Amino acid sequence: MKKKMFAFILVFILAAGLFVRLYRLDLRPMHQAEAREADKFGQLLEKGEYRYDPAEHQAPALYYFSLPFAWLGGQKTYAELNETTLRLVTVFFGLVMILIATLATGSYLKNSEKLWAALFLAVSAPVIYFNRFYLQESLFAGLALAFVICLWRFWPKPDYRGAIWLGLMAGLLHATKEISIIVLAASLLALIGVWLLSRRKNREDHNRKDEKSQKDEKRENEEKTPGHDTQRIWKSLIIAIFIFLVVSFVFYSSFFKYPQGFLNSFKTVVGVGQKGPAEGGLHQGFWYYFGLLFYRHGAPGSPVFTEIPFLALALFGAVMSFVKLSKKSSDNFRPYLAVLGVITALIYSALPYKTPWNLLVFWIFFLMLAGIGFDYLLKVIKIRESKILLAGIVLIWTAWQIYLVNFYFYAYPDNPYVYAQTSPDLTRLAGRLNELSQVAGEGKNLTIKVIAPPDETRPLPWYLRRYTRVGYWTSSEQVESLEPARLMIMTATEAARRQEKELANYVSQYYSLRPDVVLILFVDQNLWQAYLLKKAENLRRH
């Protein structure tokens, strides 16, 4: 394949991937986890402050990488931020991941394999879904892919340049998520495993040859392969480790302001797999992630969600990678990806703490294997029309999954990748508050009281970020009087604890926060009447 054709196809893939990631980027309401990240970034944006807290498990890279996007959008405060600006960060890293898969793999993959892998990364429904989330995982997946490729490059030729890239990627990976130790360990295990398999194949091949041919091959290899400089290897490793520590320290210490953050990041790894619902996750069995990807059919009339075609192609790609295993370790990048993907998936599946977006880090390896497998499959098929038909079926299927996952069931429980998702009804509440504030004389300065436990209000603070007089109470007992609030938001439980005469002067409206949480908006009677009059006046004008 010519370079111009390769570049043209890659640009087309990137354009398609960008379109499905950007289209109606603010469609899905802010998830409570996204709102938590946005709040943390808002502090950095407004005050220039970030302090790592090991109890929160919020690594710094996402926030620092978000700064240029906010600056380019002219947004200097938390109140000025919007969903699109924040999610552009993860969309960008989703595209970077596609570029890494094609441009950083060098001669390890054929051009056709690179393009299929890039296409599958670009159009995978769960990858798109989580690239449209303002969470750490999109950065983490892209940097994980960059790290494992750098490690593969460094292994046969441990020079200083490779050491710099390896240390930089490892440092950024750790600065993105503390649990990066999983990827670091899995990549090393995969590397050692492939090296052992290569040696075994090499011995088997040698056993089949006579003594003379073995001597000739040994002499030939000695001529082609220069001996490693042990001192140079150790220096390269020290450089890589030093850069890793420096990069990680710079981020976790908030650019040297809080040095203790760096040490705390390593303490966080202990017990991370035991987090529970209070930390924004859930405990599930070993097969949870594979169940999400394999098959989901919700309520009657709901469509089927499945990634079976990509799973099957990934399995085929892994099998063919081992069938074509080379006795030369440096030629075994494909088996390396296969072993790495399996080990990473097994480790994540073994951890009891799970959230759907965590599957992204191993799913990208599977998709690259799927691209490799599809390329093998097309070469086996000799009839051109059959190749086109097969490719068409795969693309039509994934287009349907993209539509279902990202644009139709984007916030509903039938979608396997939806977890504790904010109901679209909350955006209706936000719209109603905006309308009421336009009628009120105080505007965004009107008093709003929120009475509800924290886990039954998130991400409400995000939608109230532009109001200057908002108070939060976790229970009704903490609020002696509802006055002077003209707007109040409570859960049904907290509202039941107030006296009826207190609420008599308010109009109540019900909104769903999540499927199991309902919020009640109480509007002052006078404000409500003013709102109705304004609405009637607008209708007469139109």
Protein backbone atom coordinates (compact mmCIF):
# COMPACT_ATOMS: atom_id res chain seq x y z
CA MET A 1 0.00 0.00 0.00
CA LYS A 2 1.36 3.40 -1.01
CA LYS A 3 1.94 6.06 1.64
CA LYS A 4 -0.55 8.46 0.07
CA MET A 5 -3.30 5.84 0.06
CA PHE A 6 -2.49 4.86 3.65
CA ALA A 7 -2.63 8.51 4.75
CA PHE A 8 -5.89 9.11 2.89
CA ILE A 9 -7.61 6.11 4.50
CA LEU A 10 -6.29 7.04 7.94
CA VAL A 11 -7.62 10.60 7.61
CA PHE A 12 -11.01 9.20 6.58
CA ILE A 13 -11.04 6.89 9.63
CA LEU A 14 -10.11 9.77 11.94
CA ALA A 15 -12.83 11.95 10.42
CA ALA A 16 -15.43 9.21 10.93
CA GLY A 17 -14.24 8.62 14.50
CA LEU A 18 -14.31 12.34 15.23
CA PHE A 19 -17.82 12.76 13.84
CA VAL A 20 -19.43 10.00 15.95
CA ARG A 21 -17.65 11.32 19.04
CA LEU A 22 -18.57 14.97 18.53
CA TYR A 23 -22.14 14.60 17.28
CA ARG A 24 -24.47 15.92 20.00
CA LEU A 25 -21.68 15.63 22.54
CA ASP A 26 -23.86 17.20 25.24
CA LEU A 27 -26.77 14.81 24.58
CA ARG A 28 -26.23 12.64 27.64
CA PRO A 29 -26.71 14.38 31.02
CA MET A 30 -23.63 14.76 33.17
CA HIS A 31 -22.89 11.59 35.11
CA GLN A 32 -22.24 12.02 38.82
CA ALA A 33 -18.67 10.75 38.28
CA GLU A 34 -18.17 13.33 35.52
CA ALA A 35 -19.52 16.08 37.78
CA ARG A 36 -17.06 15.05 40.49
CA GLU A 37 -14.16 15.33 38.03
CA ALA A 38 -15.51 18.66 36.75
CA ASP A 39 -15.65 20.06 40.28
CA LYS A 40 -12.04 19.05 40.87
CA PHE A 41 -10.96 20.62 37.60
CA GLY A 42 -12.93 23.78 38.42
CA GLN A 43 -10.77 24.31 41.50
CA LEU A 44 -7.63 24.01 39.39
CA LEU A 45 -9.03 26.33 36.71
CA GLU A 46 -10.15 29.07 39.09
CA LYS A 47 -7.54 28.94 41.85
CA GLY A 48 -4.64 27.13 40.19
CA GLU A 49 -4.82 24.57 42.99
CA TYR A 50 -4.84 20.80 42.95
CA ARG A 51 -4.04 18.63 45.93
CA TYR A 52 -4.10 14.87 45.52
CA ASP A 53 -6.33 13.14 48.04
CA PRO A 54 -5.81 9.36 48.18
CA ALA A 55 -9.33 8.89 49.56
CA GLU A 56 -10.84 10.36 46.39
CA HIS A 57 -8.79 8.36 43.83
CA GLN A 58 -8.63 11.35 41.47
CA ALA A 59 -5.26 11.38 39.71
CA PRO A 60 -4.10 14.73 38.29
CA ALA A 61 -3.40 14.23 34.57
CA LEU A 62 -7.00 14.69 33.39
CA TYR A 63 -7.28 18.09 35.08
CA TYR A 64 -4.00 19.48 33.79
CA PHE A 65 -4.70 18.27 30.26
CA SER A 66 -8.13 19.94 30.49
CA LEU A 67 -6.66 23.40 31.04
CA PRO A 68 -5.80 24.15 27.36
CA PHE A 69 -9.32 23.19 26.28
CA ALA A 70 -10.89 25.57 28.80
CA TRP A 71 -8.48 28.37 27.88
CA LEU A 72 -9.15 27.92 24.16
CA GLY A 73 -12.88 28.12 24.93
CA GLY A 74 -12.37 31.36 26.86
CA GLN A 75 -13.58 29.69 30.07
CA LYS A 76 -11.76 30.83 33.20
CA THR A 77 -14.17 29.80 35.97
CA TYR A 78 -16.06 26.68 36.99
CA ALA A 79 -19.38 28.39 36.23
CA GLU A 80 -18.30 29.11 32.65
CA LEU A 81 -17.49 25.47 31.88
CA ASN A 82 -19.87 23.29 29.90
CA GLU A 83 -20.23 19.62 29.04
CA THR A 84 -18.82 20.01 25.53
CA THR A 85 -15.57 21.64 26.67
CA LEU A 86 -14.91 18.94 29.24
CA ARG A 87 -15.77 16.03 26.98
CA LEU A 88 -13.61 17.41 24.16
CA VAL A 89 -10.63 16.42 26.31
CA THR A 90 -11.52 12.72 26.25
CA VAL A 91 -12.63 12.89 22.61
CA PHE A 92 -9.18 14.24 21.76
CA PHE A 93 -7.43 11.40 23.56
CA GLY A 94 -9.72 8.93 21.82
CA LEU A 95 -8.34 10.19 18.50
CA VAL A 96 -4.78 10.14 19.87
CA MET A 97 -5.30 6.47 20.71
CA ILE A 98 -6.23 5.73 17.08
CA LEU A 99 -3.12 7.56 15.85
CA ILE A 100 -0.91 5.66 18.30
CA ALA A 101 -2.29 2.34 17.03
CA THR A 102 -1.36 3.24 13.45
CA LEU A 103 1.72 5.47 13.61
CA ALA A 104 3.58 4.11 16.64
CA THR A 105 3.44 0.41 15.73
CA GLY A 106 6.00 0.89 12.95
CA SER A 107 6.97 -2.31 11.18
CA TYR A 108 5.39 -4.52 13.86
CA LEU A 109 2.10 -4.59 11.94
CA LYS A 110 1.31 -4.47 8.25
CA ASN A 111 -0.38 -1.32 6.94
CA SER A 112 -3.62 -3.19 6.29
CA GLU A 113 -3.64 -4.51 9.87
CA LYS A 114 -3.02 -1.01 11.23
CA LEU A 115 -5.91 0.45 9.26
CA TRP A 116 -8.37 -2.24 10.31
CA ALA A 117 -7.29 -1.83 13.93
CA ALA A 118 -7.68 1.95 13.62
CA LEU A 119 -11.13 1.57 12.07
CA PHE A 120 -12.33 -0.79 14.80
CA LEU A 121 -11.02 1.57 17.50
CA ALA A 122 -12.78 4.45 15.75
CA VAL A 123 -16.18 2.77 15.42
CA SER A 124 -16.40 0.53 18.49
CA ALA A 125 -19.63 1.50 20.28
CA PRO A 126 -18.28 1.19 23.88
CA VAL A 127 -15.06 3.02 22.99
CA ILE A 128 -17.08 5.90 21.54
CA TYR A 129 -19.42 5.88 24.54
CA PHE A 130 -16.61 6.24 27.06
CA ASN A 131 -14.66 8.69 24.89
CA ARG A 132 -17.74 10.91 25.32
CA PHE A 133 -17.34 10.69 29.13
CA TYR A 134 -15.26 13.21 31.08
CA LEU A 135 -13.43 10.50 32.99
CA GLN A 136 -9.84 9.31 33.31
CA GLU A 137 -10.30 6.12 31.29
CA SER A 138 -9.92 7.54 27.77
CA LEU A 139 -6.59 9.11 28.69
CA PHE A 140 -5.58 5.95 30.52
CA ALA A 141 -6.38 3.65 27.60
CA GLY A 142 -4.50 5.81 25.08
CA LEU A 143 -1.45 6.16 27.31
CA ALA A 144 -1.53 2.44 28.13
CA LEU A 145 -1.35 1.63 24.43
CA ALA A 146 1.53 4.09 23.99
CA PHE A 147 3.38 2.59 26.96
CA VAL A 148 3.12 -1.04 25.82
CA ILE A 149 4.37 -0.09 22.34
CA CYS A 150 7.28 1.86 23.84
CA LEU A 151 8.12 -1.12 26.03
CA TRP A 152 8.10 -3.42 23.01
CA ARG A 153 10.43 -1.04 21.15
CA PHE A 154 12.74 -0.75 24.15
CA TRP A 155 13.04 -4.50 24.80
CA PRO A 156 15.26 -5.55 21.85
CA LYS A 157 17.12 -2.23 21.67
CA PRO A 158 17.40 -0.54 25.08
CA ASP A 159 18.90 2.78 23.98
CA TYR A 160 18.63 6.22 25.58
CA ARG A 161 15.98 7.51 23.19
CA GLY A 162 13.75 4.52 23.88
CA ALA A 163 14.33 4.96 27.61
CA ILE A 164 13.13 8.57 27.49
CA TRP A 165 9.90 7.64 25.71
CA LEU A 166 9.33 4.64 27.98
CA GLY A 167 9.82 6.68 31.15
CA LEU A 168 7.64 9.50 29.87
CA MET A 169 4.73 7.20 28.98
CA ALA A 170 5.02 5.31 32.27
CA GLY A 171 5.01 8.59 34.21
CA LEU A 172 1.98 9.96 32.36
CA LEU A 173 0.20 6.63 32.75
CA HIS A 174 0.70 6.68 36.51
CA ALA A 175 -0.31 10.35 36.66
CA THR A 176 -3.59 9.40 34.96
CA LYS A 177 -4.58 6.53 37.25
CA GLU A 178 -2.85 5.17 40.33
CA ILE A 179 -3.86 1.65 39.36
CA SER A 180 -1.53 1.85 36.35
CA ILE A 181 0.53 -0.82 38.11
CA ILE A 182 -1.84 -3.33 36.49
CA VAL A 183 -0.83 -2.28 32.97
CA LEU A 184 2.85 -2.06 33.91
CA ALA A 185 2.82 -5.56 35.41
CA ALA A 186 0.70 -7.08 32.62
CA SER A 187 2.95 -5.68 29.89
CA LEU A 188 6.07 -7.07 31.56
CA LEU A 189 4.44 -10.48 32.02
CA ALA A 190 3.33 -10.49 28.39
CA LEU A 191 6.82 -9.53 27.26
CA ILE A 192 8.45 -12.30 29.27
CA GLY A 193 5.82 -14.81 28.16
CA VAL A 194 6.33 -14.06 24.45
CA TRP A 195 10.10 -14.17 24.89
CA LEU A 196 9.87 -17.63 26.50
CA LEU A 197 7.59 -18.86 23.72
CA SER A 198 10.04 -17.55 21.12
CA ARG A 199 12.93 -19.35 22.80
CA ARG A 200 10.93 -22.55 22.94
CA LYS A 201 10.13 -22.35 19.23
CA ASN A 202 13.75 -21.56 18.51
CA ARG A 203 14.87 -24.72 20.36
CA GLU A 204 12.29 -26.82 18.54
CA ASP A 205 13.50 -25.53 15.18
CA HIS A 206 17.08 -26.22 16.13
CA ASN A 207 16.26 -29.79 17.07
CA ARG A 208 14.98 -30.38 13.54
CA LYS A 209 18.21 -29.27 11.90
CA ASP A 210 21.48 -31.11 11.57
CA GLU A 211 24.58 -29.93 13.37
CA LYS A 212 26.10 -28.20 10.31
CA SER A 213 23.04 -26.07 9.60
CA GLN A 214 22.91 -25.11 13.28
CA LYS A 215 26.50 -23.92 13.17
CA ASP A 216 25.84 -21.94 9.98
CA GLU A 217 22.77 -20.30 11.51
CA LYS A 218 24.64 -19.49 14.72
CA ARG A 219 27.44 -17.86 12.74
CA GLU A 220 24.87 -15.94 10.63
CA ASN A 221 23.04 -14.69 13.71
CA GLU A 222 26.31 -13.60 15.30
CA GLU A 223 27.09 -11.57 12.21
CA LYS A 224 23.63 -9.93 12.14
CA THR A 225 23.01 -9.38 15.87
CA PRO A 226 25.55 -7.28 17.77
CA GLY A 227 26.11 -8.09 21.41
CA HIS A 228 24.28 -5.99 23.99
CA ASP A 229 26.26 -3.49 26.05
CA THR A 230 25.29 -4.40 29.63
CA GLN A 231 26.34 -1.02 30.99
CA ARG A 232 24.28 0.77 28.35
CA ILE A 233 21.23 -1.36 29.20
CA TRP A 234 21.44 -0.48 32.90
CA LYS A 235 21.94 3.19 32.13
CA SER A 236 18.90 3.16 29.85
CA LEU A 237 16.79 1.49 32.53
CA ILE A 238 17.90 4.00 35.14
CA ILE A 239 17.04 6.86 32.79
CA ALA A 240 13.57 5.38 32.14
CA ILE A 241 12.87 4.89 35.86
CA PHE A 242 14.17 8.38 36.67
CA ILE A 243 11.94 10.03 34.05
CA PHE A 244 8.95 7.98 35.24
CA LEU A 245 9.46 9.17 38.83
CA VAL A 246 10.05 12.79 37.82
CA VAL A 247 6.95 13.00 35.58
CA SER A 248 4.77 11.30 38.17
CA PHE A 249 6.15 13.48 40.97
CA VAL A 250 5.54 16.70 39.01
CA PHE A 251 1.87 15.86 38.50
CA TYR A 252 1.04 14.38 41.91
CA SER A 253 2.89 17.14 43.76
CA SER A 254 0.93 19.79 41.82
CA PHE A 255 4.16 21.00 40.23
CA PHE A 256 6.14 20.78 43.48
CA LYS A 257 3.52 22.48 45.71
CA TYR A 258 2.45 19.36 47.67
CA PRO A 259 5.26 16.75 47.58
CA GLN A 260 3.35 14.32 49.82
CA GLY A 261 0.87 13.70 47.00
CA PHE A 262 3.46 11.61 45.15
CA LEU A 263 3.92 9.14 48.03
CA ASN A 264 0.17 9.02 48.66
CA SER A 265 -0.40 7.90 45.07
CA PHE A 266 1.43 4.63 45.78
CA LYS A 267 -0.45 4.08 49.05
CA THR A 268 -3.72 4.32 47.14
CA VAL A 269 -3.01 1.14 45.18
CA VAL A 270 -3.40 -0.92 48.36
CA GLY A 271 -7.03 -1.98 48.67
CA VAL A 272 -8.15 -0.28 45.46
CA GLY A 273 -9.90 -3.45 44.36
CA GLN A 274 -12.08 -3.40 47.48
CA LYS A 275 -13.83 -0.08 46.83
CA GLY A 276 -17.58 -0.22 46.83
CA PRO A 277 -20.73 1.65 45.84
CA ALA A 278 -19.90 4.58 48.09
CA GLU A 279 -16.84 5.27 45.94
CA GLY A 280 -18.81 5.17 42.71
CA GLY A 281 -18.35 1.52 41.81
CA LEU A 282 -20.03 -1.80 42.33
CA HIS A 283 -19.04 -5.31 43.26
CA GLN A 284 -19.63 -7.87 40.53
CA GLY A 285 -18.51 -11.35 39.61
CA PHE A 286 -15.56 -12.37 37.48
CA TRP A 287 -17.47 -12.43 34.17
CA TYR A 288 -19.02 -8.97 34.53
CA TYR A 289 -17.01 -7.20 31.81
CA PHE A 290 -17.30 -10.05 29.34
CA GLY A 291 -21.05 -10.15 30.01
CA LEU A 292 -21.35 -6.48 29.06
CA LEU A 293 -19.50 -7.04 25.80
CA PHE A 294 -20.92 -10.44 24.89
CA TYR A 295 -24.70 -10.01 25.03
CA ARG A 296 -27.37 -7.83 26.62
CA HIS A 297 -31.09 -7.91 25.91
CA GLY A 298 -33.11 -5.76 28.26
CA ALA A 299 -36.86 -5.34 28.60
CA PRO A 300 -39.25 -6.81 26.00
CA GLY A 301 -38.93 -4.85 22.79
CA SER A 302 -35.40 -3.76 23.63
CA PRO A 303 -32.75 -4.45 20.96
CA VAL A 304 -29.74 -6.71 21.41
CA PHE A 305 -26.47 -5.12 22.49
CA THR A 306 -23.45 -7.23 21.59
CA GLU A 307 -19.80 -7.00 20.61
CA ILE A 308 -19.65 -10.66 19.53
CA PRO A 309 -18.27 -9.90 16.03
CA PHE A 310 -15.30 -8.01 17.46
CA LEU A 311 -14.80 -10.63 20.20
CA ALA A 312 -14.78 -13.41 17.59
CA LEU A 313 -12.36 -11.51 15.35
CA ALA A 314 -10.11 -10.79 18.34
CA LEU A 315 -10.05 -14.50 19.21
CA PHE A 316 -9.25 -15.38 15.61
CA GLY A 317 -6.52 -12.73 15.52
CA ALA A 318 -4.98 -14.10 18.73
CA VAL A 319 -5.04 -17.69 17.44
CA MET A 320 -3.44 -16.71 14.11
CA SER A 321 -0.81 -14.67 15.94
CA PHE A 322 0.33 -17.78 17.81
CA VAL A 323 0.05 -19.98 14.72
CA LYS A 324 2.50 -17.64 13.01
CA LEU A 325 4.73 -17.31 16.08
CA SER A 326 8.28 -16.47 15.08
CA LYS A 327 11.40 -17.86 16.67
CA LYS A 328 12.71 -14.28 16.61
CA SER A 329 11.25 -12.52 19.65
CA SER A 330 11.20 -9.05 18.06
CA ASP A 331 8.82 -10.31 15.33
CA ASN A 332 6.16 -11.36 17.81
CA PHE A 333 4.31 -8.11 18.47
CA ARG A 334 0.97 -9.73 17.62
CA PRO A 335 1.32 -12.53 20.25
CA TYR A 336 2.50 -9.85 22.67
CA LEU A 337 -0.77 -7.94 22.15
CA ALA A 338 -2.75 -11.15 22.60
CA VAL A 339 -1.07 -12.16 25.87
CA LEU A 340 -1.23 -8.58 27.13
CA GLY A 341 -4.95 -8.26 26.38
CA VAL A 342 -5.79 -11.54 28.10
CA ILE A 343 -3.68 -10.83 31.20
CA THR A 344 -5.09 -7.30 31.60
CA ALA A 345 -8.67 -8.54 31.15
CA LEU A 346 -8.14 -11.33 33.71
CA ILE A 347 -6.67 -8.96 36.31
CA TYR A 348 -9.47 -6.43 35.93
CA SER A 349 -12.06 -9.20 36.02
CA ALA A 350 -10.56 -10.61 39.21
CA LEU A 351 -10.93 -7.29 41.06
CA PRO A 352 -14.29 -7.17 42.88
CA TYR A 353 -14.63 -3.38 42.34
CA LYS A 354 -15.97 -2.73 38.85
CA THR A 355 -17.40 0.07 36.76
CA PRO A 356 -18.26 -0.36 33.06
CA TRP A 357 -15.71 2.19 31.84
CA ASN A 358 -12.82 0.17 33.30
CA LEU A 359 -13.15 -2.35 30.47
CA LEU A 360 -11.79 0.25 28.04
CA VAL A 361 -8.15 -0.42 28.94
CA PHE A 362 -8.20 -4.06 27.81
CA TRP A 363 -10.89 -3.72 25.15
CA ILE A 364 -8.57 -1.58 23.01
CA PHE A 365 -6.07 -4.46 22.89
CA PHE A 366 -8.86 -6.80 21.84
CA LEU A 367 -9.90 -4.40 19.07
CA MET A 368 -6.36 -4.28 17.72
CA LEU A 369 -6.36 -8.08 17.68
CA ALA A 370 -9.72 -7.95 15.90
CA GLY A 371 -8.15 -5.77 13.22
CA ILE A 372 -5.32 -8.27 12.84
CA GLY A 373 -7.79 -11.17 12.71
CA PHE A 374 -9.98 -9.44 10.13
CA ASP A 375 -6.97 -8.80 7.91
CA TYR A 376 -6.04 -12.50 8.08
CA LEU A 377 -9.62 -13.48 7.31
CA LEU A 378 -9.85 -11.28 4.24
CA LYS A 379 -6.66 -12.83 2.89
CA VAL A 380 -8.12 -16.32 3.32
CA ILE A 381 -11.24 -15.35 1.36
CA LYS A 382 -10.40 -15.35 -2.34
CA ILE A 383 -13.63 -13.96 -3.78
CA ARG A 384 -13.56 -10.15 -3.89
CA GLU A 385 -17.33 -9.78 -3.60
CA SER A 386 -17.34 -11.95 -0.47
CA LYS A 387 -14.72 -9.70 1.14
CA ILE A 388 -16.80 -6.61 0.42
CA LEU A 389 -19.94 -8.30 1.74
CA LEU A 390 -18.23 -9.37 4.96
CA ALA A 391 -16.75 -5.91 5.55
CA GLY A 392 -20.15 -4.35 4.85
CA ILE A 393 -21.90 -6.63 7.35
CA VAL A 394 -19.37 -5.79 10.09
CA LEU A 395 -19.63 -2.04 9.47
CA ILE A 396 -23.45 -2.04 9.29
CA TRP A 397 -23.62 -4.01 12.52
CA THR A 398 -21.25 -1.67 14.37
CA ALA A 399 -23.06 1.40 13.00
CA TRP A 400 -26.29 0.03 14.50
CA GLN A 401 -24.54 -0.55 17.84
CA ILE A 402 -23.13 2.99 17.75
CA TYR A 403 -26.63 4.40 17.27
CA LEU A 404 -28.16 2.29 20.03
CA VAL A 405 -25.43 2.79 22.61
CA ASN A 406 -24.59 6.45 22.03
CA PHE A 407 -27.66 8.17 20.59
CA TYR A 408 -30.79 6.23 21.55
CA PHE A 409 -30.28 4.29 24.79
CA TYR A 410 -27.53 6.68 25.89
CA ALA A 411 -28.94 7.11 29.42
CA TYR A 412 -31.20 4.12 29.92
CA PRO A 413 -30.57 0.90 31.89
CA ASP A 414 -31.07 -1.37 28.86
CA ASN A 415 -27.72 -0.08 27.62
CA PRO A 416 -25.04 -2.40 29.11
CA TYR A 417 -22.58 0.47 29.56
CA VAL A 418 -24.97 2.65 31.55
CA TYR A 419 -24.28 2.64 35.28
CA ALA A 420 -25.93 5.02 37.79
CA GLN A 421 -26.56 7.36 34.87
CA THR A 422 -28.28 10.68 35.47
CA SER A 423 -31.80 10.79 34.05
CA PRO A 424 -32.49 13.18 31.15
CA ASP A 425 -35.24 14.49 33.43
CA LEU A 426 -32.60 16.36 35.41
CA THR A 427 -31.81 18.53 32.38
CA ARG A 428 -35.52 19.40 32.35
CA LEU A 429 -35.19 20.50 35.98
CA ALA A 430 -32.15 22.60 35.07
CA GLY A 431 -34.13 24.20 32.25
CA ARG A 432 -37.02 25.01 34.56
CA LEU A 433 -34.67 26.62 37.08
CA ASN A 434 -33.17 28.74 34.31
CA GLU A 435 -36.66 29.89 33.23
CA LEU A 436 -37.61 30.76 36.79
CA SER A 437 -34.39 32.70 37.36
CA GLN A 438 -35.13 34.83 34.29
CA VAL A 439 -38.48 35.80 35.80
CA ALA A 440 -37.15 36.41 39.32
CA GLY A 441 -35.77 39.86 39.98
CA GLU A 442 -32.66 38.39 41.56
CA GLY A 443 -31.75 36.42 38.42
CA LYS A 444 -28.98 33.94 39.17
CA ASN A 445 -28.73 35.42 42.67
CA LEU A 446 -32.03 34.00 43.92
CA THR A 447 -31.79 31.78 46.98
CA ILE A 448 -31.98 28.01 46.43
CA LYS A 449 -31.96 25.47 49.24
CA VAL A 450 -31.08 21.85 48.51
CA ILE A 451 -32.01 19.37 51.24
CA ALA A 452 -30.90 15.83 50.43
CA PRO A 453 -28.06 13.38 51.16
CA PRO A 454 -24.98 13.88 48.91
CA ASP A 455 -25.51 10.61 47.05
CA GLU A 456 -29.04 11.79 46.15
CA THR A 457 -28.00 15.16 44.77
CA ARG A 458 -24.99 14.46 42.52
CA PRO A 459 -24.62 15.77 39.82
CA LEU A 460 -27.09 18.53 40.78
CA PRO A 461 -24.29 20.91 41.94
CA TRP A 462 -22.97 20.90 38.37
CA TYR A 463 -26.32 22.14 37.06
CA LEU A 464 -26.49 24.78 39.81
CA ARG A 465 -22.91 26.03 39.33
CA ARG A 466 -24.00 29.38 37.86
CA TYR A 467 -26.28 30.27 40.79
CA THR A 468 -24.52 32.34 43.45
CA ARG A 469 -26.77 31.64 46.46
CA VAL A 470 -27.19 27.88 46.76
CA GLY A 471 -27.10 26.12 50.11
CA TYR A 472 -26.80 22.37 50.71
CA TRP A 473 -28.07 20.46 53.74
CA THR A 474 -27.90 16.70 54.10
CA SER A 475 -31.07 16.36 56.20
CA SER A 476 -34.21 18.33 56.97
CA GLU A 477 -33.37 18.54 60.69
CA GLN A 478 -30.51 20.89 59.84
CA VAL A 479 -32.89 23.49 58.37
CA GLU A 480 -35.07 25.33 60.90
CA SER A 481 -36.80 27.59 58.39
CA LEU A 482 -37.27 27.33 54.64
CA GLU A 483 -37.33 31.08 54.24
CA PRO A 484 -36.02 33.14 52.48
CA ALA A 485 -35.59 30.48 49.76
CA ARG A 486 -37.84 30.99 46.74
CA LEU A 487 -36.73 27.65 45.32
CA MET A 488 -36.07 24.42 47.18
CA ILE A 489 -35.01 20.98 46.00
CA MET A 490 -35.61 17.97 48.27
CA THR A 491 -35.94 14.24 48.12
CA ALA A 492 -39.38 12.84 48.92
CA THR A 493 -38.07 11.54 52.26
CA GLU A 494 -36.81 14.94 53.37
CA ALA A 495 -39.95 16.71 52.12
CA ALA A 496 -42.11 14.38 54.24
CA ARG A 497 -40.29 15.60 57.34
CA ARG A 498 -41.42 19.21 56.83
CA GLN A 499 -44.72 20.50 58.16
CA GLU A 500 -47.47 20.87 55.59
CA LYS A 501 -48.07 24.52 56.44
CA GLU A 502 -44.40 25.30 55.64
CA LEU A 503 -44.85 23.93 52.12
CA ALA A 504 -48.30 25.42 51.55
CA ASN A 505 -46.83 28.50 49.90
CA TYR A 506 -44.87 26.46 47.38
CA VAL A 507 -45.79 24.68 44.14
CA SER A 508 -44.23 21.22 43.91
CA GLN A 509 -42.88 19.47 40.79
CA TYR A 510 -41.27 16.05 40.51
CA TYR A 511 -38.11 15.17 38.59
CA SER A 512 -36.11 11.97 38.29
CA LEU A 513 -32.43 12.20 39.19
CA ARG A 514 -31.76 8.51 38.53
CA PRO A 515 -34.14 5.56 38.18
CA ASP A 516 -34.21 5.10 41.96
CA VAL A 517 -34.00 8.74 43.09
CA VAL A 518 -36.77 11.38 42.73
CA LEU A 519 -36.27 15.05 43.52
CA ILE A 520 -39.05 17.53 44.31
CA LEU A 521 -38.74 21.14 43.22
CA PHE A 522 -40.66 23.59 45.44
CA VAL A 523 -41.34 26.98 43.81
CA ASP A 524 -42.57 30.01 45.72
CA GLN A 525 -46.20 30.73 44.75
CA ASN A 526 -45.50 34.34 43.76
CA LEU A 527 -42.54 33.32 41.61
CA TRP A 528 -44.61 30.60 39.97
CA GLN A 529 -47.42 33.01 39.14
CA ALA A 530 -44.91 35.44 37.64
CA TYR A 531 -43.47 32.60 35.56
CA LEU A 532 -46.93 31.59 34.24
CA LEU A 533 -47.75 35.20 33.32
CA LYS A 534 -44.44 35.55 31.48
CA LYS A 535 -45.05 32.29 29.64
CA ALA A 536 -48.58 33.35 28.63
CA GLU A 537 -47.25 36.69 27.40
CA ASN A 538 -44.63 34.93 25.23
CA LEU A 539 -47.30 32.67 23.75
CA ARG A 540 -49.46 35.69 22.80
CA ARG A 541 -46.48 37.29 21.04
CA HIS A 542 -45.91 34.19 18.93
